[in-house]
Amino acid sequence: MTTPASAPWLIVGLGNPGPEYAMNRHNVGFMVADLLAERIGGKFKRAGKAQAQVVEGRIGPPGPAGRRVVLVKPMSYMNLSGGPVNALREFYKVPLGNVVAVHDELDIDYGTLRLKLGGGDNGHNGLKSISKALGREYHRVRFGIGRPPGRMQVADFVLKDFSSAERKELDYFVDRAADSVECLVTEGLERAQSAYNS
């Protein structure tokens, strides 16, 4: 079934709420969502009864030619992201194929991007929760954070801030991830993959 061009996109940045998590590797989805909100000139605000913050706007050419988007930051903590995302998907009548989750990915080198449609959750609690609530056939923008060094536990690694060395390039990589989301929404998955899957 083809999705009408007028259907909105739901772009979900995954992360944990609260200032103590703001610069964690696990919060890179929030960072990308914040930058996209800045680009469309919006500010995140509480979404009615849903446990999330949203910004509505358009991506792409100015005026009606731009694609309608709803940027989302779930405020439920990572492992409960599915509930708020599904509530907003139903409220805004977003087809599953127009849902994009932006998240950290352990199995990819730091700063590398991979865009795809569907697939497993690879142990990512945010994706696990979304897939349980929605099914698997949504887009993912996977932002590489690399594997933990030595014997560090995965949970400790993702909930630590980016290192000072990583932070030197973080703005550039977040910028590139935001570009890839815009490309996905306006030009489609294939074009975005060929431009950004490094």
N, C-alpha and C. Protein backbone atom coordinates (compact mmCIF):
# COMPACT_ATOMS: atom_id res chain seq x y z
N MET A 1 0.85 -1.20 0.00
CA MET A 1 0.00 0.00 0.00
C MET A 1 0.88 1.25 0.00
N THR A 2 0.65 2.16 -0.93
CA THR A 2 1.48 3.36 -0.97
C THR A 2 0.97 4.39 0.03
N THR A 3 1.91 5.14 0.55
CA THR A 3 1.59 6.17 1.54
C THR A 3 1.32 7.48 0.82
N PRO A 4 0.18 8.14 1.10
CA PRO A 4 -0.07 9.43 0.44
C PRO A 4 1.01 10.46 0.79
N ALA A 5 1.38 11.27 -0.20
CA ALA A 5 2.45 12.27 0.01
C ALA A 5 2.09 13.25 1.11
N SER A 6 0.79 13.43 1.35
CA SER A 6 0.35 14.41 2.36
C SER A 6 0.46 13.86 3.79
N ALA A 7 0.69 12.54 3.93
CA ALA A 7 0.75 11.95 5.28
C ALA A 7 1.95 12.51 6.04
N PRO A 8 1.74 12.84 7.32
CA PRO A 8 2.87 13.39 8.09
C PRO A 8 3.89 12.30 8.43
N TRP A 9 5.08 12.74 8.81
CA TRP A 9 6.15 11.86 9.29
C TRP A 9 6.30 12.07 10.79
N LEU A 10 6.54 10.99 11.50
CA LEU A 10 6.80 11.05 12.94
C LEU A 10 8.27 10.72 13.13
N ILE A 11 9.05 11.69 13.55
CA ILE A 11 10.50 11.50 13.70
C ILE A 11 10.81 11.47 15.20
N VAL A 12 11.21 10.30 15.66
CA VAL A 12 11.38 10.06 17.09
C VAL A 12 12.87 10.03 17.44
N GLY A 13 13.31 10.99 18.24
CA GLY A 13 14.67 10.95 18.78
C GLY A 13 14.63 10.20 20.09
N LEU A 14 15.43 9.15 20.23
CA LEU A 14 15.39 8.35 21.46
C LEU A 14 16.42 8.84 22.47
N GLY A 15 16.01 8.82 23.74
CA GLY A 15 16.89 9.27 24.82
C GLY A 15 16.18 9.15 26.15
N ASN A 16 16.81 9.63 27.19
CA ASN A 16 16.22 9.66 28.53
C ASN A 16 16.05 11.11 28.95
N PRO A 17 14.91 11.44 29.60
CA PRO A 17 14.70 12.83 30.03
C PRO A 17 15.55 13.18 31.25
N GLY A 18 15.84 14.46 31.40
CA GLY A 18 16.57 14.93 32.59
C GLY A 18 17.98 15.36 32.25
N PRO A 19 18.44 16.45 32.90
CA PRO A 19 19.75 17.02 32.58
C PRO A 19 20.92 16.07 32.83
N GLU A 20 20.76 15.12 33.76
CA GLU A 20 21.87 14.20 34.05
C GLU A 20 22.16 13.25 32.89
N TYR A 21 21.19 13.09 31.98
CA TYR A 21 21.38 12.19 30.82
C TYR A 21 21.72 12.95 29.54
N ALA A 22 21.64 14.27 29.58
CA ALA A 22 21.66 15.08 28.35
C ALA A 22 22.80 14.77 27.39
N MET A 23 24.01 14.55 27.92
CA MET A 23 25.17 14.32 27.04
C MET A 23 25.59 12.85 26.95
N ASN A 24 24.73 11.96 27.46
CA ASN A 24 25.01 10.52 27.37
C ASN A 24 25.02 10.04 25.92
N ARG A 25 25.79 8.99 25.66
CA ARG A 25 25.77 8.38 24.31
C ARG A 25 24.35 7.91 23.95
N HIS A 26 23.61 7.43 24.95
CA HIS A 26 22.26 6.90 24.73
C HIS A 26 21.28 8.01 24.30
N ASN A 27 21.69 9.27 24.45
CA ASN A 27 20.78 10.39 24.17
C ASN A 27 21.04 11.06 22.84
N VAL A 28 21.80 10.43 21.97
CA VAL A 28 22.13 11.08 20.70
C VAL A 28 20.87 11.32 19.86
N GLY A 29 19.85 10.47 20.03
CA GLY A 29 18.58 10.69 19.32
C GLY A 29 17.93 12.01 19.71
N PHE A 30 17.98 12.34 21.01
CA PHE A 30 17.47 13.63 21.48
C PHE A 30 18.25 14.78 20.84
N MET A 31 19.58 14.60 20.74
CA MET A 31 20.43 15.67 20.19
C MET A 31 20.05 15.95 18.73
N VAL A 32 19.81 14.89 17.97
CA VAL A 32 19.42 15.06 16.56
C VAL A 32 18.04 15.71 16.46
N ALA A 33 17.11 15.28 17.32
CA ALA A 33 15.76 15.87 17.33
C ALA A 33 15.81 17.36 17.68
N ASP A 34 16.66 17.71 18.65
CA ASP A 34 16.81 19.13 19.05
C ASP A 34 17.31 19.97 17.88
N LEU A 35 18.28 19.43 17.14
CA LEU A 35 18.82 20.17 16.00
C LEU A 35 17.78 20.32 14.90
N LEU A 36 17.02 19.27 14.63
CA LEU A 36 15.95 19.36 13.62
C LEU A 36 14.90 20.40 14.03
N ALA A 37 14.57 20.43 15.33
CA ALA A 37 13.60 21.42 15.82
C ALA A 37 14.12 22.84 15.60
N GLU A 38 15.40 23.02 15.88
CA GLU A 38 16.05 24.33 15.67
C GLU A 38 15.96 24.73 14.19
N ARG A 39 16.23 23.77 13.32
CA ARG A 39 16.21 24.06 11.87
C ARG A 39 14.82 24.47 11.38
N ILE A 40 13.77 23.88 11.96
CA ILE A 40 12.42 24.25 11.48
C ILE A 40 11.81 25.36 12.33
N GLY A 41 12.64 25.88 13.26
CA GLY A 41 12.20 27.04 14.04
C GLY A 41 11.15 26.72 15.09
N GLY A 42 11.19 25.50 15.63
CA GLY A 42 10.20 25.12 16.65
C GLY A 42 10.84 24.86 17.99
N LYS A 43 10.00 24.86 19.05
CA LYS A 43 10.48 24.53 20.39
C LYS A 43 9.66 23.34 20.90
N PHE A 44 10.33 22.40 21.52
CA PHE A 44 9.61 21.24 22.06
C PHE A 44 8.67 21.66 23.18
N LYS A 45 7.45 21.09 23.12
CA LYS A 45 6.50 21.33 24.21
C LYS A 45 5.74 20.03 24.51
N ARG A 46 5.18 19.97 25.71
CA ARG A 46 4.46 18.77 26.15
C ARG A 46 3.33 18.44 25.19
N ALA A 47 3.19 17.16 24.85
CA ALA A 47 2.17 16.73 23.88
C ALA A 47 0.93 16.24 24.59
N GLY A 48 0.05 17.16 24.99
CA GLY A 48 -1.22 16.78 25.63
C GLY A 48 -1.01 15.75 26.72
N LYS A 49 -1.73 14.61 26.58
CA LYS A 49 -1.63 13.57 27.60
C LYS A 49 -0.48 12.60 27.33
N ALA A 50 0.06 12.63 26.13
CA ALA A 50 1.15 11.69 25.81
C ALA A 50 2.40 12.06 26.60
N GLN A 51 3.11 11.05 27.02
CA GLN A 51 4.33 11.27 27.82
C GLN A 51 5.49 11.57 26.86
N ALA A 52 5.41 12.73 26.24
CA ALA A 52 6.40 13.09 25.21
C ALA A 52 6.37 14.59 24.99
N GLN A 53 7.43 15.08 24.35
CA GLN A 53 7.47 16.47 23.87
C GLN A 53 7.48 16.43 22.35
N VAL A 54 6.80 17.39 21.74
CA VAL A 54 6.71 17.41 20.27
C VAL A 54 6.95 18.80 19.70
N VAL A 55 7.34 18.81 18.44
CA VAL A 55 7.42 20.02 17.62
C VAL A 55 6.79 19.66 16.27
N GLU A 56 5.87 20.49 15.79
CA GLU A 56 5.29 20.26 14.46
C GLU A 56 5.86 21.28 13.48
N GLY A 57 6.07 20.86 12.24
CA GLY A 57 6.59 21.78 11.24
C GLY A 57 6.72 21.10 9.89
N ARG A 58 7.54 21.70 9.03
CA ARG A 58 7.76 21.13 7.70
C ARG A 58 9.25 21.05 7.41
N ILE A 59 9.62 19.99 6.68
CA ILE A 59 11.00 19.79 6.24
C ILE A 59 10.99 19.82 4.72
N GLY A 60 12.01 20.44 4.14
CA GLY A 60 12.09 20.48 2.68
C GLY A 60 11.79 21.87 2.17
N PRO A 61 11.30 21.96 0.92
CA PRO A 61 11.05 23.28 0.34
C PRO A 61 10.04 24.06 1.17
N PRO A 62 10.16 25.40 1.20
CA PRO A 62 9.20 26.20 1.98
C PRO A 62 7.79 26.07 1.41
N GLY A 63 6.81 26.31 2.28
CA GLY A 63 5.42 26.28 1.83
C GLY A 63 4.87 24.87 1.78
N PRO A 64 3.76 24.69 1.06
CA PRO A 64 3.04 23.41 1.06
C PRO A 64 3.84 22.25 0.44
N ALA A 65 4.89 22.56 -0.30
CA ALA A 65 5.71 21.49 -0.90
C ALA A 65 6.55 20.76 0.15
N GLY A 66 6.78 21.41 1.30
CA GLY A 66 7.54 20.76 2.37
C GLY A 66 6.76 19.60 2.97
N ARG A 67 7.49 18.64 3.54
CA ARG A 67 6.84 17.47 4.16
C ARG A 67 6.46 17.80 5.60
N ARG A 68 5.24 17.47 5.98
CA ARG A 68 4.79 17.67 7.36
C ARG A 68 5.51 16.70 8.28
N VAL A 69 6.08 17.22 9.36
CA VAL A 69 6.76 16.35 10.32
C VAL A 69 6.32 16.68 11.74
N VAL A 70 6.33 15.65 12.56
CA VAL A 70 6.15 15.81 14.00
C VAL A 70 7.41 15.22 14.63
N LEU A 71 8.20 16.09 15.25
CA LEU A 71 9.41 15.64 15.96
C LEU A 71 9.00 15.24 17.37
N VAL A 72 9.52 14.12 17.83
CA VAL A 72 9.10 13.58 19.13
C VAL A 72 10.31 13.24 20.00
N LYS A 73 10.22 13.64 21.28
CA LYS A 73 11.16 13.14 22.28
C LYS A 73 10.31 12.48 23.38
N PRO A 74 10.30 11.13 23.43
CA PRO A 74 9.53 10.48 24.50
C PRO A 74 10.12 10.86 25.87
N MET A 75 9.24 11.12 26.83
CA MET A 75 9.68 11.52 28.17
C MET A 75 9.45 10.39 29.18
N SER A 76 9.37 9.17 28.65
CA SER A 76 8.98 8.01 29.47
C SER A 76 10.17 7.18 29.92
N TYR A 77 11.38 7.60 29.60
CA TYR A 77 12.60 6.80 29.72
C TYR A 77 12.63 5.78 28.59
N MET A 78 13.86 5.46 28.20
CA MET A 78 14.14 4.69 27.00
C MET A 78 13.31 3.42 26.86
N ASN A 79 13.28 2.60 27.92
CA ASN A 79 12.66 1.28 27.76
C ASN A 79 11.14 1.30 27.74
N LEU A 80 10.53 2.50 27.85
CA LEU A 80 9.07 2.62 27.74
C LEU A 80 8.68 3.55 26.59
N SER A 81 9.56 3.73 25.63
CA SER A 81 9.32 4.68 24.53
C SER A 81 8.11 4.32 23.66
N GLY A 82 7.81 3.03 23.55
CA GLY A 82 6.77 2.57 22.62
C GLY A 82 5.39 3.16 22.88
N GLY A 83 5.00 3.27 24.16
CA GLY A 83 3.66 3.78 24.51
C GLY A 83 3.41 5.19 23.97
N PRO A 84 4.27 6.17 24.33
CA PRO A 84 4.08 7.52 23.82
C PRO A 84 4.18 7.61 22.30
N VAL A 85 5.09 6.84 21.71
CA VAL A 85 5.26 6.90 20.25
C VAL A 85 4.00 6.39 19.55
N ASN A 86 3.44 5.30 20.04
CA ASN A 86 2.24 4.75 19.42
C ASN A 86 1.04 5.68 19.60
N ALA A 87 0.93 6.29 20.79
CA ALA A 87 -0.18 7.23 21.04
C ALA A 87 -0.11 8.40 20.05
N LEU A 88 1.10 8.93 19.83
CA LEU A 88 1.25 10.06 18.90
C LEU A 88 1.06 9.63 17.45
N ARG A 89 1.49 8.43 17.11
CA ARG A 89 1.29 7.92 15.75
C ARG A 89 -0.21 7.84 15.44
N GLU A 90 -0.98 7.37 16.41
CA GLU A 90 -2.44 7.27 16.22
C GLU A 90 -3.07 8.66 16.17
N PHE A 91 -2.63 9.54 17.06
CA PHE A 91 -3.20 10.89 17.12
C PHE A 91 -2.98 11.65 15.81
N TYR A 92 -1.78 11.57 15.28
CA TYR A 92 -1.45 12.30 14.04
C TYR A 92 -1.73 11.50 12.77
N LYS A 93 -2.25 10.26 12.95
CA LYS A 93 -2.58 9.39 11.81
C LYS A 93 -1.38 9.19 10.87
N VAL A 94 -0.28 8.77 11.47
CA VAL A 94 0.97 8.55 10.72
C VAL A 94 1.07 7.09 10.31
N PRO A 95 1.23 6.80 9.00
CA PRO A 95 1.44 5.41 8.58
C PRO A 95 2.75 4.88 9.17
N LEU A 96 2.79 3.58 9.45
CA LEU A 96 3.99 3.00 10.07
C LEU A 96 5.25 3.27 9.26
N GLY A 97 5.13 3.26 7.93
CA GLY A 97 6.28 3.52 7.06
C GLY A 97 6.78 4.95 7.12
N ASN A 98 6.05 5.83 7.81
CA ASN A 98 6.47 7.23 7.97
C ASN A 98 6.98 7.51 9.38
N VAL A 99 7.27 6.45 10.12
CA VAL A 99 7.85 6.60 11.45
C VAL A 99 9.36 6.40 11.32
N VAL A 100 10.14 7.31 11.92
CA VAL A 100 11.61 7.22 11.90
C VAL A 100 12.10 7.28 13.35
N ALA A 101 12.89 6.28 13.75
CA ALA A 101 13.52 6.31 15.07
C ALA A 101 15.01 6.63 14.89
N VAL A 102 15.47 7.64 15.59
CA VAL A 102 16.89 8.02 15.55
C VAL A 102 17.50 7.57 16.88
N HIS A 103 18.54 6.70 16.79
CA HIS A 103 19.04 6.09 18.02
C HIS A 103 20.52 5.77 17.94
N ASP A 104 21.12 5.57 19.10
CA ASP A 104 22.52 5.15 19.21
C ASP A 104 22.64 3.68 18.83
N GLU A 105 23.78 3.33 18.25
CA GLU A 105 24.00 1.94 17.78
C GLU A 105 25.40 1.49 18.16
N LEU A 106 25.49 0.45 18.99
CA LEU A 106 26.77 -0.05 19.49
C LEU A 106 27.63 -0.71 18.42
N ASP A 107 26.99 -1.38 17.47
CA ASP A 107 27.73 -2.22 16.52
C ASP A 107 28.28 -1.44 15.32
N ILE A 108 28.26 -0.13 15.40
CA ILE A 108 28.78 0.70 14.31
C ILE A 108 29.81 1.66 14.92
N ASP A 109 30.86 1.93 14.18
CA ASP A 109 31.90 2.85 14.67
C ASP A 109 31.33 4.23 14.97
N TYR A 110 31.96 4.91 15.91
CA TYR A 110 31.50 6.23 16.33
C TYR A 110 31.33 7.18 15.13
N GLY A 111 30.15 7.81 15.06
CA GLY A 111 29.88 8.82 14.04
C GLY A 111 29.39 8.27 12.71
N THR A 112 29.46 6.94 12.53
CA THR A 112 29.00 6.34 11.28
C THR A 112 27.47 6.24 11.31
N LEU A 113 26.84 6.46 10.16
CA LEU A 113 25.38 6.37 10.07
C LEU A 113 24.97 5.16 9.23
N ARG A 114 23.84 4.56 9.60
CA ARG A 114 23.21 3.52 8.79
C ARG A 114 21.71 3.77 8.82
N LEU A 115 21.10 3.92 7.65
CA LEU A 115 19.65 4.08 7.57
C LEU A 115 19.05 2.79 7.05
N LYS A 116 17.94 2.38 7.63
CA LYS A 116 17.28 1.17 7.13
C LYS A 116 15.81 1.17 7.50
N LEU A 117 15.08 0.26 6.87
CA LEU A 117 13.66 0.07 7.15
C LEU A 117 13.48 -1.31 7.77
N GLY A 118 12.85 -1.37 8.94
CA GLY A 118 12.58 -2.65 9.59
C GLY A 118 13.82 -3.27 10.19
N GLY A 119 13.66 -4.49 10.68
CA GLY A 119 14.78 -5.22 11.28
C GLY A 119 14.59 -5.43 12.77
N GLY A 120 15.61 -6.01 13.39
CA GLY A 120 15.55 -6.32 14.82
C GLY A 120 15.90 -5.11 15.67
N ASP A 121 15.98 -5.34 16.99
CA ASP A 121 16.28 -4.22 17.90
C ASP A 121 17.73 -4.26 18.40
N ASN A 122 18.43 -5.38 18.14
CA ASN A 122 19.84 -5.49 18.50
C ASN A 122 20.10 -5.18 19.97
N GLY A 123 19.14 -5.54 20.83
CA GLY A 123 19.32 -5.31 22.26
C GLY A 123 19.06 -3.88 22.71
N HIS A 124 18.61 -3.01 21.80
CA HIS A 124 18.35 -1.61 22.15
C HIS A 124 16.96 -1.51 22.78
N ASN A 125 16.90 -1.09 24.05
CA ASN A 125 15.62 -1.10 24.77
C ASN A 125 14.58 -0.16 24.20
N GLY A 126 15.02 0.97 23.65
CA GLY A 126 14.07 1.90 23.03
C GLY A 126 13.41 1.28 21.81
N LEU A 127 14.23 0.66 20.95
CA LEU A 127 13.68 0.00 19.75
C LEU A 127 12.79 -1.18 20.13
N LYS A 128 13.22 -1.91 21.14
CA LYS A 128 12.45 -3.08 21.60
C LYS A 128 11.03 -2.63 21.98
N SER A 129 10.96 -1.53 22.72
CA SER A 129 9.67 -1.01 23.18
C SER A 129 8.82 -0.50 22.01
N ILE A 130 9.46 0.20 21.07
CA ILE A 130 8.71 0.72 19.91
C ILE A 130 8.21 -0.43 19.03
N SER A 131 9.08 -1.41 18.78
CA SER A 131 8.69 -2.55 17.94
C SER A 131 7.55 -3.34 18.57
N LYS A 132 7.57 -3.45 19.88
CA LYS A 132 6.49 -4.16 20.59
C LYS A 132 5.16 -3.42 20.41
N ALA A 133 5.22 -2.10 20.42
CA ALA A 133 4.00 -1.29 20.32
C ALA A 133 3.52 -1.10 18.87
N LEU A 134 4.45 -1.03 17.92
CA LEU A 134 4.09 -0.66 16.55
C LEU A 134 4.27 -1.78 15.54
N GLY A 135 5.12 -2.75 15.83
CA GLY A 135 5.62 -3.66 14.79
C GLY A 135 6.99 -3.16 14.35
N ARG A 136 7.65 -3.88 13.44
CA ARG A 136 9.04 -3.58 13.11
C ARG A 136 9.25 -2.72 11.87
N GLU A 137 8.22 -2.52 11.08
CA GLU A 137 8.43 -1.91 9.76
C GLU A 137 8.46 -0.38 9.78
N TYR A 138 9.32 0.16 10.60
CA TYR A 138 9.52 1.62 10.62
C TYR A 138 10.98 1.88 10.28
N HIS A 139 11.29 3.13 9.92
CA HIS A 139 12.66 3.48 9.55
C HIS A 139 13.52 3.70 10.79
N ARG A 140 14.80 3.39 10.63
CA ARG A 140 15.76 3.66 11.71
C ARG A 140 16.93 4.45 11.14
N VAL A 141 17.35 5.46 11.88
CA VAL A 141 18.60 6.16 11.59
C VAL A 141 19.52 5.78 12.73
N ARG A 142 20.49 4.92 12.43
CA ARG A 142 21.37 4.34 13.45
C ARG A 142 22.65 5.17 13.51
N PHE A 143 22.91 5.73 14.66
CA PHE A 143 24.07 6.61 14.87
C PHE A 143 25.11 5.80 15.66
N GLY A 144 26.24 5.50 15.02
CA GLY A 144 27.25 4.66 15.66
C GLY A 144 27.90 5.30 16.87
N ILE A 145 27.97 4.53 17.96
CA ILE A 145 28.71 4.99 19.15
C ILE A 145 29.87 4.06 19.47
N GLY A 146 30.01 2.96 18.72
CA GLY A 146 31.10 2.01 18.97
C GLY A 146 30.84 1.13 20.18
N ARG A 147 31.73 0.18 20.41
CA ARG A 147 31.60 -0.76 21.53
C ARG A 147 32.31 -0.21 22.76
N PRO A 148 31.89 -0.66 23.97
CA PRO A 148 32.59 -0.22 25.18
C PRO A 148 34.03 -0.72 25.21
N PRO A 149 34.94 0.06 25.76
CA PRO A 149 36.34 -0.38 25.85
C PRO A 149 36.50 -1.45 26.93
N GLY A 150 37.47 -2.34 26.73
CA GLY A 150 37.83 -3.33 27.76
C GLY A 150 36.64 -4.13 28.23
N ARG A 151 36.47 -4.18 29.54
CA ARG A 151 35.39 -5.00 30.10
C ARG A 151 34.22 -4.15 30.59
N MET A 152 34.17 -2.90 30.15
CA MET A 152 33.07 -2.03 30.59
C MET A 152 31.72 -2.61 30.15
N GLN A 153 30.77 -2.60 31.06
CA GLN A 153 29.42 -3.08 30.75
C GLN A 153 28.75 -2.14 29.75
N VAL A 154 27.93 -2.73 28.86
CA VAL A 154 27.22 -1.94 27.85
C VAL A 154 26.36 -0.85 28.51
N ALA A 155 25.62 -1.23 29.58
CA ALA A 155 24.73 -0.26 30.24
C ALA A 155 25.52 0.94 30.77
N ASP A 156 26.70 0.68 31.32
CA ASP A 156 27.52 1.78 31.83
C ASP A 156 28.02 2.67 30.68
N PHE A 157 28.40 2.02 29.60
CA PHE A 157 28.95 2.74 28.45
C PHE A 157 27.91 3.68 27.82
N VAL A 158 26.70 3.18 27.57
CA VAL A 158 25.70 4.02 26.89
C VAL A 158 25.20 5.14 27.79
N LEU A 159 25.26 4.93 29.10
CA LEU A 159 24.79 5.97 30.03
C LEU A 159 25.91 6.89 30.50
N LYS A 160 27.06 6.80 29.84
CA LYS A 160 28.15 7.75 30.10
C LYS A 160 28.12 8.84 29.03
N ASP A 161 28.64 10.03 29.39
CA ASP A 161 28.73 11.11 28.41
C ASP A 161 29.76 10.74 27.34
N PHE A 162 29.58 11.33 26.16
CA PHE A 162 30.61 11.20 25.12
C PHE A 162 31.94 11.70 25.69
N SER A 163 33.03 11.05 25.30
CA SER A 163 34.35 11.45 25.80
C SER A 163 34.74 12.82 25.24
N SER A 164 35.74 13.44 25.83
CA SER A 164 36.16 14.76 25.33
C SER A 164 36.66 14.66 23.89
N ALA A 165 37.32 13.55 23.55
CA ALA A 165 37.79 13.35 22.16
C ALA A 165 36.59 13.23 21.21
N GLU A 166 35.57 12.48 21.63
CA GLU A 166 34.37 12.32 20.79
C GLU A 166 33.62 13.64 20.63
N ARG A 167 33.61 14.42 21.70
CA ARG A 167 32.84 15.68 21.65
C ARG A 167 33.38 16.66 20.62
N LYS A 168 34.67 16.51 20.28
CA LYS A 168 35.25 17.41 19.26
C LYS A 168 34.54 17.27 17.92
N GLU A 169 34.05 16.06 17.64
CA GLU A 169 33.39 15.82 16.35
C GLU A 169 31.88 15.65 16.47
N LEU A 170 31.37 15.66 17.69
CA LEU A 170 29.97 15.33 17.92
C LEU A 170 29.01 16.25 17.15
N ASP A 171 29.26 17.56 17.19
CA ASP A 171 28.36 18.50 16.50
C ASP A 171 28.28 18.19 15.01
N TYR A 172 29.44 17.87 14.42
CA TYR A 172 29.47 17.54 12.99
C TYR A 172 28.64 16.28 12.71
N PHE A 173 28.81 15.25 13.54
CA PHE A 173 28.09 14.00 13.31
C PHE A 173 26.58 14.15 13.54
N VAL A 174 26.21 14.93 14.55
CA VAL A 174 24.78 15.18 14.82
C VAL A 174 24.18 15.96 13.65
N ASP A 175 24.92 16.92 13.13
CA ASP A 175 24.48 17.71 11.98
C ASP A 175 24.24 16.80 10.77
N ARG A 176 25.17 15.88 10.56
CA ARG A 176 25.07 14.95 9.43
C ARG A 176 23.88 14.01 9.61
N ALA A 177 23.63 13.57 10.83
CA ALA A 177 22.49 12.70 11.11
C ALA A 177 21.17 13.44 10.83
N ALA A 178 21.11 14.72 11.23
CA ALA A 178 19.92 15.53 10.94
C ALA A 178 19.72 15.69 9.43
N ASP A 179 20.83 15.90 8.71
CA ASP A 179 20.75 15.97 7.24
C ASP A 179 20.17 14.68 6.67
N SER A 180 20.60 13.54 7.22
CA SER A 180 20.15 12.25 6.69
C SER A 180 18.65 12.05 6.91
N VAL A 181 18.14 12.54 8.05
CA VAL A 181 16.70 12.46 8.32
C VAL A 181 15.93 13.30 7.30
N GLU A 182 16.42 14.51 7.05
CA GLU A 182 15.76 15.39 6.07
C GLU A 182 15.76 14.74 4.69
N CYS A 183 16.87 14.13 4.32
CA CYS A 183 16.98 13.47 3.01
C CYS A 183 16.00 12.29 2.93
N LEU A 184 15.92 11.50 4.00
CA LEU A 184 15.00 10.37 4.04
C LEU A 184 13.55 10.81 3.82
N VAL A 185 13.16 11.87 4.52
CA VAL A 185 11.78 12.37 4.45
C VAL A 185 11.46 12.99 3.09
N THR A 186 12.41 13.71 2.52
CA THR A 186 12.11 14.43 1.27
C THR A 186 12.44 13.64 0.01
N GLU A 187 13.46 12.75 0.09
CA GLU A 187 13.90 12.07 -1.13
C GLU A 187 13.79 10.55 -1.09
N GLY A 188 13.45 9.99 0.07
CA GLY A 188 13.26 8.55 0.17
C GLY A 188 14.48 7.81 0.71
N LEU A 189 14.24 6.56 1.11
CA LEU A 189 15.26 5.75 1.79
C LEU A 189 16.46 5.47 0.90
N GLU A 190 16.21 5.07 -0.34
CA GLU A 190 17.32 4.69 -1.21
C GLU A 190 18.32 5.83 -1.40
N ARG A 191 17.78 7.01 -1.66
CA ARG A 191 18.62 8.19 -1.86
C ARG A 191 19.40 8.52 -0.57
N ALA A 192 18.70 8.44 0.55
CA ALA A 192 19.35 8.74 1.84
C ALA A 192 20.43 7.71 2.17
N GLN A 193 20.16 6.45 1.87
CA GLN A 193 21.17 5.42 2.12
C GLN A 193 22.41 5.65 1.27
N SER A 194 22.20 5.97 -0.02
CA SER A 194 23.37 6.13 -0.89
C SER A 194 24.18 7.36 -0.50
N ALA A 195 23.53 8.38 0.07
CA ALA A 195 24.24 9.60 0.46
C ALA A 195 24.88 9.48 1.85
N TYR A 196 24.26 8.72 2.77
CA TYR A 196 24.70 8.79 4.17
C TYR A 196 25.17 7.48 4.79
N ASN A 197 24.83 6.32 4.21
CA ASN A 197 25.33 5.06 4.77
C ASN A 197 26.81 4.96 4.49
N SER A 198 27.62 5.25 5.51
CA SER A 198 29.06 5.31 5.25
C SER A 198 29.72 4.00 5.65
